[in-house]
Amino acid sequence: MREDIKEESFDTIIAFDLIEHLEHYRKFLKECKRVIRKGSVLILSTPNKVAFSGSYEKPWYPSHKKEFYIEELQNELKALFPNVELYGILPGVKTGIMNRIINMRKPRIFDLTKPIIAKIFNLLAKLFFPKFNL
């Protein structure tokens, strides 16, 4: 816990491909809960264990300490946060974040920061998925 960061200091926390590298990921999630304002947004991305390491007991990527199954990550988040929505990048993995980027008609989780979130995802989509022509 960082005492120099006050409780409820952040409107949004974004942690792309971080949690799987943390040995004490629960401590990280608890710290996120402590420093994020009520009603704000925590956006995480992490590889899906099924797609990334399959049935191997340990993560195959050397710096990964913990990879999550979808339900496992959902349970970890629901233990701390009241509203949890999971999306996958690939179609068929939950909802598919690309479908969410293309069709922003149901912005429930993004209500407070939709314009900035939409800009971030559109930029990422253009960089990593240029064939979608967003």
N, C-alpha and C. Protein backbone atom coordinates (compact mmCIF):
# COMPACT_ATOMS: atom_id res chain seq x y z
N MET A 1 0.84 -1.18 0.00
CA MET A 1 0.00 0.00 0.00
C MET A 1 0.88 1.24 0.00
N ARG A 2 0.57 2.15 -0.90
CA ARG A 2 1.33 3.40 -0.97
C ARG A 2 0.60 4.46 -0.17
N GLU A 3 1.19 4.85 0.92
CA GLU A 3 0.55 5.82 1.80
C GLU A 3 0.55 7.22 1.21
N ASP A 4 1.39 7.48 0.22
CA ASP A 4 1.42 8.81 -0.39
C ASP A 4 0.26 9.02 -1.36
N ILE A 5 -0.49 7.97 -1.68
CA ILE A 5 -1.67 8.09 -2.54
C ILE A 5 -2.90 7.98 -1.65
N LYS A 6 -3.69 9.03 -1.64
CA LYS A 6 -4.88 9.07 -0.78
C LYS A 6 -5.97 8.16 -1.32
N GLU A 7 -6.86 7.74 -0.43
CA GLU A 7 -8.02 6.94 -0.83
C GLU A 7 -8.88 7.73 -1.81
N GLU A 8 -9.48 7.02 -2.73
CA GLU A 8 -10.38 7.58 -3.73
C GLU A 8 -9.74 8.76 -4.48
N SER A 9 -8.52 8.56 -4.94
CA SER A 9 -7.77 9.61 -5.66
C SER A 9 -7.98 9.58 -7.17
N PHE A 10 -8.46 8.46 -7.73
CA PHE A 10 -8.49 8.31 -9.18
C PHE A 10 -9.91 8.08 -9.70
N ASP A 11 -10.19 8.70 -10.86
CA ASP A 11 -11.45 8.47 -11.55
C ASP A 11 -11.38 7.21 -12.39
N THR A 12 -10.21 6.92 -12.92
CA THR A 12 -10.02 5.77 -13.80
C THR A 12 -8.64 5.17 -13.54
N ILE A 13 -8.59 3.86 -13.51
CA ILE A 13 -7.31 3.16 -13.45
C ILE A 13 -7.27 2.22 -14.65
N ILE A 14 -6.19 2.30 -15.42
CA ILE A 14 -6.01 1.44 -16.59
C ILE A 14 -4.73 0.64 -16.38
N ALA A 15 -4.85 -0.67 -16.46
CA ALA A 15 -3.69 -1.55 -16.29
C ALA A 15 -3.74 -2.61 -17.38
N PHE A 16 -3.09 -2.32 -18.49
CA PHE A 16 -3.06 -3.26 -19.61
C PHE A 16 -1.92 -4.26 -19.42
N ASP A 17 -2.25 -5.53 -19.46
CA ASP A 17 -1.27 -6.62 -19.39
C ASP A 17 -0.27 -6.45 -18.25
N LEU A 18 -0.80 -6.22 -17.07
CA LEU A 18 0.02 -6.04 -15.88
C LEU A 18 -0.22 -7.14 -14.85
N ILE A 19 -1.47 -7.41 -14.56
CA ILE A 19 -1.82 -8.26 -13.42
C ILE A 19 -1.19 -9.65 -13.50
N GLU A 20 -1.01 -10.16 -14.70
CA GLU A 20 -0.43 -11.51 -14.83
C GLU A 20 1.05 -11.55 -14.45
N HIS A 21 1.69 -10.40 -14.33
CA HIS A 21 3.10 -10.32 -13.96
C HIS A 21 3.31 -10.13 -12.45
N LEU A 22 2.23 -9.97 -11.71
CA LEU A 22 2.31 -9.68 -10.28
C LEU A 22 2.17 -10.94 -9.44
N GLU A 23 3.13 -11.14 -8.56
CA GLU A 23 3.04 -12.28 -7.66
C GLU A 23 1.90 -12.10 -6.66
N HIS A 24 1.70 -10.87 -6.23
CA HIS A 24 0.66 -10.55 -5.24
C HIS A 24 -0.45 -9.75 -5.92
N TYR A 25 -1.12 -10.37 -6.86
CA TYR A 25 -2.13 -9.66 -7.64
C TYR A 25 -3.32 -9.21 -6.79
N ARG A 26 -3.65 -9.96 -5.74
CA ARG A 26 -4.77 -9.56 -4.87
C ARG A 26 -4.45 -8.26 -4.15
N LYS A 27 -3.21 -8.09 -3.74
CA LYS A 27 -2.79 -6.85 -3.09
C LYS A 27 -2.95 -5.68 -4.07
N PHE A 28 -2.60 -5.91 -5.33
CA PHE A 28 -2.77 -4.89 -6.36
C PHE A 28 -4.25 -4.53 -6.52
N LEU A 29 -5.12 -5.53 -6.61
CA LEU A 29 -6.55 -5.27 -6.77
C LEU A 29 -7.13 -4.53 -5.57
N LYS A 30 -6.70 -4.90 -4.37
CA LYS A 30 -7.16 -4.20 -3.17
C LYS A 30 -6.69 -2.75 -3.16
N GLU A 31 -5.47 -2.53 -3.64
CA GLU A 31 -4.96 -1.16 -3.72
C GLU A 31 -5.74 -0.36 -4.75
N CYS A 32 -6.09 -0.98 -5.87
CA CYS A 32 -6.94 -0.30 -6.86
C CYS A 32 -8.26 0.10 -6.23
N LYS A 33 -8.86 -0.80 -5.49
CA LYS A 33 -10.14 -0.51 -4.84
C LYS A 33 -9.98 0.65 -3.86
N ARG A 34 -8.88 0.70 -3.16
CA ARG A 34 -8.64 1.75 -2.17
C ARG A 34 -8.51 3.13 -2.82
N VAL A 35 -7.81 3.20 -3.94
CA VAL A 35 -7.48 4.51 -4.51
C VAL A 35 -8.47 4.99 -5.58
N ILE A 36 -9.37 4.13 -6.03
CA ILE A 36 -10.31 4.54 -7.07
C ILE A 36 -11.58 5.09 -6.41
N ARG A 37 -12.12 6.16 -6.99
CA ARG A 37 -13.36 6.74 -6.46
C ARG A 37 -14.54 5.82 -6.69
N LYS A 38 -15.50 5.89 -5.82
CA LYS A 38 -16.74 5.11 -5.98
C LYS A 38 -17.40 5.49 -7.30
N GLY A 39 -17.87 4.51 -8.05
CA GLY A 39 -18.54 4.78 -9.31
C GLY A 39 -17.59 5.02 -10.47
N SER A 40 -16.30 4.86 -10.25
CA SER A 40 -15.32 5.07 -11.31
C SER A 40 -15.02 3.76 -12.04
N VAL A 41 -14.02 3.80 -12.92
CA VAL A 41 -13.77 2.66 -13.80
C VAL A 41 -12.35 2.13 -13.62
N LEU A 42 -12.26 0.81 -13.46
CA LEU A 42 -10.98 0.10 -13.49
C LEU A 42 -10.99 -0.74 -14.75
N ILE A 43 -10.01 -0.52 -15.62
CA ILE A 43 -9.92 -1.27 -16.88
C ILE A 43 -8.64 -2.11 -16.82
N LEU A 44 -8.82 -3.41 -16.89
CA LEU A 44 -7.69 -4.35 -16.88
C LEU A 44 -7.69 -5.13 -18.18
N SER A 45 -6.53 -5.50 -18.61
CA SER A 45 -6.44 -6.50 -19.67
C SER A 45 -5.41 -7.53 -19.21
N THR A 46 -5.67 -8.77 -19.57
CA THR A 46 -4.77 -9.85 -19.21
C THR A 46 -5.05 -11.01 -20.15
N PRO A 47 -4.05 -11.81 -20.47
CA PRO A 47 -4.31 -12.96 -21.33
C PRO A 47 -5.27 -13.95 -20.68
N ASN A 48 -6.11 -14.55 -21.48
CA ASN A 48 -6.99 -15.62 -21.02
C ASN A 48 -6.15 -16.89 -20.94
N LYS A 49 -6.13 -17.52 -19.79
CA LYS A 49 -5.30 -18.72 -19.60
C LYS A 49 -5.62 -19.80 -20.63
N VAL A 50 -6.88 -19.96 -20.97
CA VAL A 50 -7.26 -20.99 -21.95
C VAL A 50 -6.59 -20.72 -23.29
N ALA A 51 -6.59 -19.46 -23.72
CA ALA A 51 -6.03 -19.11 -25.02
C ALA A 51 -4.51 -18.99 -24.98
N PHE A 52 -3.95 -18.66 -23.83
CA PHE A 52 -2.53 -18.34 -23.76
C PHE A 52 -1.67 -19.54 -23.37
N SER A 53 -2.00 -20.19 -22.27
CA SER A 53 -1.19 -21.32 -21.78
C SER A 53 -1.93 -22.64 -21.83
N GLY A 54 -3.19 -22.60 -22.19
CA GLY A 54 -3.96 -23.84 -22.30
C GLY A 54 -4.04 -24.60 -21.00
N SER A 55 -3.82 -25.88 -21.06
CA SER A 55 -3.97 -26.72 -19.87
C SER A 55 -2.69 -26.84 -19.04
N TYR A 56 -1.62 -26.14 -19.45
CA TYR A 56 -0.39 -26.18 -18.66
C TYR A 56 -0.67 -25.61 -17.28
N GLU A 57 -0.13 -26.26 -16.27
CA GLU A 57 -0.37 -25.80 -14.90
C GLU A 57 0.26 -24.44 -14.67
N LYS A 58 1.51 -24.28 -15.09
CA LYS A 58 2.21 -23.01 -14.94
C LYS A 58 2.10 -22.22 -16.24
N PRO A 59 2.11 -20.88 -16.14
CA PRO A 59 2.12 -20.08 -17.37
C PRO A 59 3.37 -20.40 -18.18
N TRP A 60 3.22 -20.49 -19.50
CA TRP A 60 4.39 -20.81 -20.33
C TRP A 60 5.28 -19.59 -20.51
N TYR A 61 4.73 -18.38 -20.38
CA TYR A 61 5.53 -17.17 -20.54
C TYR A 61 6.30 -16.92 -19.24
N PRO A 62 7.63 -16.83 -19.29
CA PRO A 62 8.45 -16.81 -18.07
C PRO A 62 8.11 -15.71 -17.06
N SER A 63 7.72 -14.54 -17.51
CA SER A 63 7.46 -13.46 -16.55
C SER A 63 6.03 -13.45 -16.02
N HIS A 64 5.18 -14.34 -16.51
CA HIS A 64 3.82 -14.43 -15.98
C HIS A 64 3.84 -15.20 -14.66
N LYS A 65 3.33 -14.57 -13.64
CA LYS A 65 3.21 -15.23 -12.34
C LYS A 65 1.88 -15.95 -12.20
N LYS A 66 0.83 -15.36 -12.81
CA LYS A 66 -0.51 -15.91 -12.68
C LYS A 66 -1.32 -15.56 -13.92
N GLU A 67 -1.89 -16.57 -14.55
CA GLU A 67 -2.82 -16.35 -15.65
C GLU A 67 -4.20 -16.79 -15.18
N PHE A 68 -5.22 -16.14 -15.68
CA PHE A 68 -6.58 -16.35 -15.17
C PHE A 68 -7.48 -17.00 -16.21
N TYR A 69 -8.32 -17.91 -15.73
CA TYR A 69 -9.47 -18.35 -16.50
C TYR A 69 -10.51 -17.24 -16.38
N ILE A 70 -11.41 -17.12 -17.33
CA ILE A 70 -12.41 -16.05 -17.32
C ILE A 70 -13.17 -16.02 -15.99
N GLU A 71 -13.71 -17.14 -15.58
CA GLU A 71 -14.52 -17.19 -14.36
C GLU A 71 -13.68 -16.85 -13.12
N GLU A 72 -12.43 -17.26 -13.14
CA GLU A 72 -11.54 -16.99 -12.02
C GLU A 72 -11.30 -15.49 -11.87
N LEU A 73 -11.00 -14.81 -12.97
CA LEU A 73 -10.80 -13.37 -12.92
C LEU A 73 -12.09 -12.67 -12.50
N GLN A 74 -13.19 -13.11 -13.04
CA GLN A 74 -14.48 -12.51 -12.70
C GLN A 74 -14.74 -12.63 -11.19
N ASN A 75 -14.47 -13.78 -10.62
CA ASN A 75 -14.68 -13.98 -9.18
C ASN A 75 -13.75 -13.10 -8.35
N GLU A 76 -12.50 -12.98 -8.76
CA GLU A 76 -11.55 -12.11 -8.04
C GLU A 76 -12.04 -10.67 -8.04
N LEU A 77 -12.51 -10.20 -9.20
CA LEU A 77 -12.98 -8.82 -9.31
C LEU A 77 -14.28 -8.60 -8.56
N LYS A 78 -15.20 -9.55 -8.67
CA LYS A 78 -16.50 -9.41 -7.98
C LYS A 78 -16.35 -9.40 -6.46
N ALA A 79 -15.29 -10.00 -5.95
CA ALA A 79 -15.05 -9.98 -4.51
C ALA A 79 -14.74 -8.57 -4.01
N LEU A 80 -14.31 -7.69 -4.91
CA LEU A 80 -13.91 -6.34 -4.51
C LEU A 80 -14.75 -5.23 -5.12
N PHE A 81 -15.27 -5.45 -6.32
CA PHE A 81 -15.95 -4.39 -7.05
C PHE A 81 -17.40 -4.77 -7.31
N PRO A 82 -18.32 -3.79 -7.18
CA PRO A 82 -19.75 -4.11 -7.30
C PRO A 82 -20.20 -4.43 -8.73
N ASN A 83 -19.62 -3.81 -9.72
CA ASN A 83 -20.02 -4.03 -11.11
C ASN A 83 -18.83 -4.52 -11.92
N VAL A 84 -18.94 -5.71 -12.45
CA VAL A 84 -17.85 -6.30 -13.22
C VAL A 84 -18.38 -6.74 -14.57
N GLU A 85 -17.69 -6.33 -15.63
CA GLU A 85 -18.00 -6.78 -16.98
C GLU A 85 -16.70 -7.23 -17.63
N LEU A 86 -16.73 -8.40 -18.24
CA LEU A 86 -15.55 -8.92 -18.92
C LEU A 86 -15.80 -8.96 -20.42
N TYR A 87 -14.76 -8.64 -21.18
CA TYR A 87 -14.83 -8.66 -22.63
C TYR A 87 -13.57 -9.33 -23.15
N GLY A 88 -13.69 -10.03 -24.25
CA GLY A 88 -12.54 -10.64 -24.88
C GLY A 88 -12.16 -9.88 -26.14
N ILE A 89 -10.94 -10.04 -26.58
CA ILE A 89 -10.50 -9.40 -27.82
C ILE A 89 -10.98 -10.20 -29.01
N LEU A 90 -10.96 -11.51 -28.89
CA LEU A 90 -11.35 -12.36 -30.01
C LEU A 90 -12.84 -12.68 -29.93
N PRO A 91 -13.51 -12.75 -31.06
CA PRO A 91 -14.93 -13.13 -31.03
C PRO A 91 -15.10 -14.48 -30.35
N GLY A 92 -16.14 -14.60 -29.58
CA GLY A 92 -16.41 -15.86 -28.90
C GLY A 92 -15.80 -15.92 -27.51
N VAL A 93 -14.89 -15.03 -27.18
CA VAL A 93 -14.34 -14.97 -25.83
C VAL A 93 -15.13 -13.88 -25.12
N LYS A 94 -16.15 -14.33 -24.39
CA LYS A 94 -17.14 -13.42 -23.81
C LYS A 94 -17.73 -12.61 -24.95
N THR A 95 -17.73 -11.29 -24.85
CA THR A 95 -18.44 -10.48 -25.83
C THR A 95 -17.57 -10.08 -27.01
N GLY A 96 -16.30 -9.98 -26.83
CA GLY A 96 -15.40 -9.51 -27.89
C GLY A 96 -15.26 -8.01 -27.84
N ILE A 97 -14.10 -7.54 -27.41
CA ILE A 97 -13.89 -6.09 -27.27
C ILE A 97 -13.97 -5.39 -28.62
N MET A 98 -13.61 -6.09 -29.70
CA MET A 98 -13.72 -5.44 -31.01
C MET A 98 -15.18 -5.12 -31.33
N ASN A 99 -16.10 -6.01 -30.97
CA ASN A 99 -17.51 -5.70 -31.17
C ASN A 99 -17.92 -4.52 -30.32
N ARG A 100 -17.36 -4.42 -29.13
CA ARG A 100 -17.68 -3.30 -28.24
C ARG A 100 -17.14 -2.00 -28.81
N ILE A 101 -15.96 -2.03 -29.41
CA ILE A 101 -15.38 -0.83 -30.00
C ILE A 101 -16.21 -0.38 -31.20
N ILE A 102 -16.57 -1.32 -32.04
CA ILE A 102 -17.33 -0.99 -33.24
C ILE A 102 -18.73 -0.51 -32.88
N ASN A 103 -19.35 -1.11 -31.88
CA ASN A 103 -20.72 -0.79 -31.51
C ASN A 103 -20.75 -0.27 -30.08
N MET A 104 -20.60 1.04 -29.92
CA MET A 104 -20.56 1.64 -28.59
C MET A 104 -21.97 2.07 -28.14
N ARG A 105 -22.99 1.34 -28.51
CA ARG A 105 -24.37 1.72 -28.17
C ARG A 105 -24.74 1.40 -26.73
N LYS A 106 -24.04 0.48 -26.09
CA LYS A 106 -24.36 0.10 -24.72
C LYS A 106 -23.16 0.40 -23.82
N PRO A 107 -22.92 1.65 -23.51
CA PRO A 107 -21.70 2.03 -22.80
C PRO A 107 -21.76 1.90 -21.28
N ARG A 108 -22.57 1.01 -20.71
CA ARG A 108 -22.80 0.95 -19.27
C ARG A 108 -21.54 1.17 -18.43
N ILE A 109 -20.52 0.37 -18.65
CA ILE A 109 -19.32 0.48 -17.81
C ILE A 109 -18.53 1.75 -18.11
N PHE A 110 -18.72 2.32 -19.29
CA PHE A 110 -17.93 3.47 -19.70
C PHE A 110 -18.67 4.79 -19.52
N ASP A 111 -19.83 4.82 -18.88
CA ASP A 111 -20.65 6.02 -18.80
C ASP A 111 -19.89 7.26 -18.33
N LEU A 112 -19.09 7.13 -17.27
CA LEU A 112 -18.45 8.30 -16.69
C LEU A 112 -17.36 8.88 -17.59
N THR A 113 -16.71 8.05 -18.36
CA THR A 113 -15.56 8.52 -19.13
C THR A 113 -15.66 8.11 -20.59
N LYS A 114 -16.86 7.93 -21.10
CA LYS A 114 -17.03 7.38 -22.45
C LYS A 114 -16.19 8.08 -23.52
N PRO A 115 -16.18 9.43 -23.60
CA PRO A 115 -15.40 10.05 -24.68
C PRO A 115 -13.92 9.67 -24.65
N ILE A 116 -13.30 9.69 -23.49
CA ILE A 116 -11.88 9.37 -23.44
C ILE A 116 -11.65 7.87 -23.66
N ILE A 117 -12.52 7.03 -23.12
CA ILE A 117 -12.39 5.59 -23.32
C ILE A 117 -12.55 5.25 -24.79
N ALA A 118 -13.54 5.85 -25.42
CA ALA A 118 -13.77 5.60 -26.85
C ALA A 118 -12.54 6.01 -27.66
N LYS A 119 -11.93 7.15 -27.33
CA LYS A 119 -10.74 7.60 -28.05
C LYS A 119 -9.57 6.62 -27.85
N ILE A 120 -9.41 6.16 -26.62
CA ILE A 120 -8.32 5.22 -26.33
C ILE A 120 -8.52 3.93 -27.13
N PHE A 121 -9.73 3.37 -27.07
CA PHE A 121 -9.98 2.11 -27.77
C PHE A 121 -9.90 2.29 -29.28
N ASN A 122 -10.38 3.41 -29.79
CA ASN A 122 -10.28 3.65 -31.24
C ASN A 122 -8.83 3.75 -31.68
N LEU A 123 -8.01 4.43 -30.88
CA LEU A 123 -6.59 4.53 -31.20
C LEU A 123 -5.94 3.15 -31.18
N LEU A 124 -6.21 2.38 -30.13
CA LEU A 124 -5.65 1.03 -30.04
C LEU A 124 -6.14 0.15 -31.18
N ALA A 125 -7.41 0.28 -31.52
CA ALA A 125 -7.96 -0.52 -32.61
C ALA A 125 -7.29 -0.18 -33.93
N LYS A 126 -7.05 1.11 -34.18
CA LYS A 126 -6.39 1.52 -35.43
C LYS A 126 -4.96 1.00 -35.49
N LEU A 127 -4.29 0.99 -34.32
CA LEU A 127 -2.91 0.52 -34.29
C LEU A 127 -2.80 -0.99 -34.46
N PHE A 128 -3.68 -1.74 -33.79
CA PHE A 128 -3.56 -3.19 -33.75
C PHE A 128 -4.51 -3.93 -34.68
N PHE A 129 -5.55 -3.27 -35.14
CA PHE A 129 -6.53 -3.92 -36.00
C PHE A 129 -6.88 -3.01 -37.18
N PRO A 130 -5.89 -2.61 -37.99
CA PRO A 130 -6.14 -1.64 -39.05
C PRO A 130 -7.16 -2.11 -40.08
N LYS A 131 -7.34 -3.39 -40.27
CA LYS A 131 -8.26 -3.86 -41.31
C LYS A 131 -9.72 -3.60 -40.96
N PHE A 132 -10.02 -3.26 -39.69
CA PHE A 132 -11.40 -2.98 -39.32
C PHE A 132 -11.83 -1.57 -39.75
N ASN A 133 -10.88 -0.71 -40.09
CA ASN A 133 -11.17 0.66 -40.54
C ASN A 133 -12.17 1.36 -39.64
N LEU A 134 -11.84 1.48 -38.37
CA LEU A 134 -12.73 2.16 -37.44
C LEU A 134 -12.57 3.63 -37.66
